[in-house]
Amino acid sequence: MKAILKRGDFPLKNAEIKIGGSKSESNRLLILQAQFPNITIENLSESDDTSVLQKGLKLTKEIVDVHHAGTAMRFLTAYFAAKEGAEIILTGSQRMQERPIGILVDALRRLGADIKYLKRDGFPPLKIKGKSLQKNEVIIKASVSSQYVSALMLVAPLFPNGLKISLEGKSTSVPYIEMTLSLLKRIGVKGNFNKNEITIFAAKNVEETVLIVESDWSSASYFYSLVALSESFEITLGSFSKESLQGDSALVRIYDSLGVKTIFNISENTISLSKKHTELPDSLLLDLSDTPDLAQTIAVTCFGLGIGCKLTGLHTLKIKETDRLLALKNELEKLGATIQVDNNSLNLEKAIQIFENKTIETYQDHRMAMAFAPLAVKTNLIINDAEVVSKSYPRFWEDLQKTGIKCEFVDSLK
């Protein structure tokens, strides 16, 4: 399905959008709920990734296909390895079978896990026989993906003596590790994170508790982009907290420099975004090591604003749903951008024009579709494989149209 995007009636006044629960929080809490069933979760993410994880957690002796869901692959690898009696084949899409998981598997094997590769060493699919893991110390490379670390942390309460995780190298996406620790503490599991060492204590039971998932800041980023690219636009988004666990709440600070003012309506649990008329920088320099999922949206926003940007700390984007750096380069160049990328960074030069009616490929990556969509404020464009947004934000196109952007969906273009 293709989405043909036009400015339409944008901006509509008084747009209000309730964004679904955070995928990152939801997926972590589901793993904890599977271990401690007396946890109740509210405002769970509606994303495909979360749905896939939920279904997988119900199985113990089946083939579990996570499709494109990288978080589910990593979290379920650790979960099934530590679940006594589980006999699972864990697989995914062709792209998933190209995404490395060897660092996590090696760490679990050192803890005593029974995991075998069914095709290529270091990559899914995996054959996992779950058992009680008795060792309580492990070293893991932390510079590739924080999800490997979080996967171990989430199952650590089941270890008889807890688990001490020593992180090797500079940790990437540290806020996600801190999110995992905070959620463990919320259910009563003790732990600490000090420099390059994480300790999670054993917990056989936790008290009955209800946890409400905050709305997803990554999903909010596309509306920040809309406001930044507009001449004058206001929108209210819910439900968000000023004391968020999500690293992507850095949006507030980052987009302030791009002309977006954020007001927290604490009593209503919402945020109001409005255009702040201020002088923009000639170029934006950001280290996104802690918030790599924002890179695509920020790069597209800067291009649309006609300013340059140098984004670093992007090494994890090479192993996402696609090679996001290369994908960004390909699609921004179609629109007239001059951009260079390497394994860790992106350098976008100041643009002087935006080409119209170009077709954006999504590479089976939800964030490619949503990051480029706000450019409809500046130019007509076409998004291929538009339904890919369901991976994290199924109602994205519906919500986008609430702002006045016109979306026409067709199976093919004549």
Foldseek 3Di string as FASTA:
>chain_A
DKKWWALFQFFDAAAEAEFAFAQLLLLLVLLLCLQAVLEAEARHFLFLQNVLLNVVSVDFEEERESAQNPLSQQLVQLSNQADAAGWYFYYYHPLQQVFFDQQLVVQSVVQPGDKDAPPDPRGDGITGHHDHRADAETETAALQDCSSVLSCQSCQQSHPFGHKYFYDDDHFQVLSVVLSQVVCVVQPWDWDDDDRMITTGHDNHTDRYYYYGFGHLLLCLLVLLLQLLDPKHKYKYDAADPPDSDPSVCSQVVSVLSFWHWDQPPVVNMIMIIGHDDDHDQEAEEECRNPLSCVLLVCLSCQSVQHKYKYFNNLNCCNHLHNVQVLSCVQVVQQPWDWDDDNTMITTHGGDGGDAAEEREQSLPLSSLSSNNSCSSPYIYMYPPNCSVSNRGRCSVVSVCSSRIDIDDDPDDD
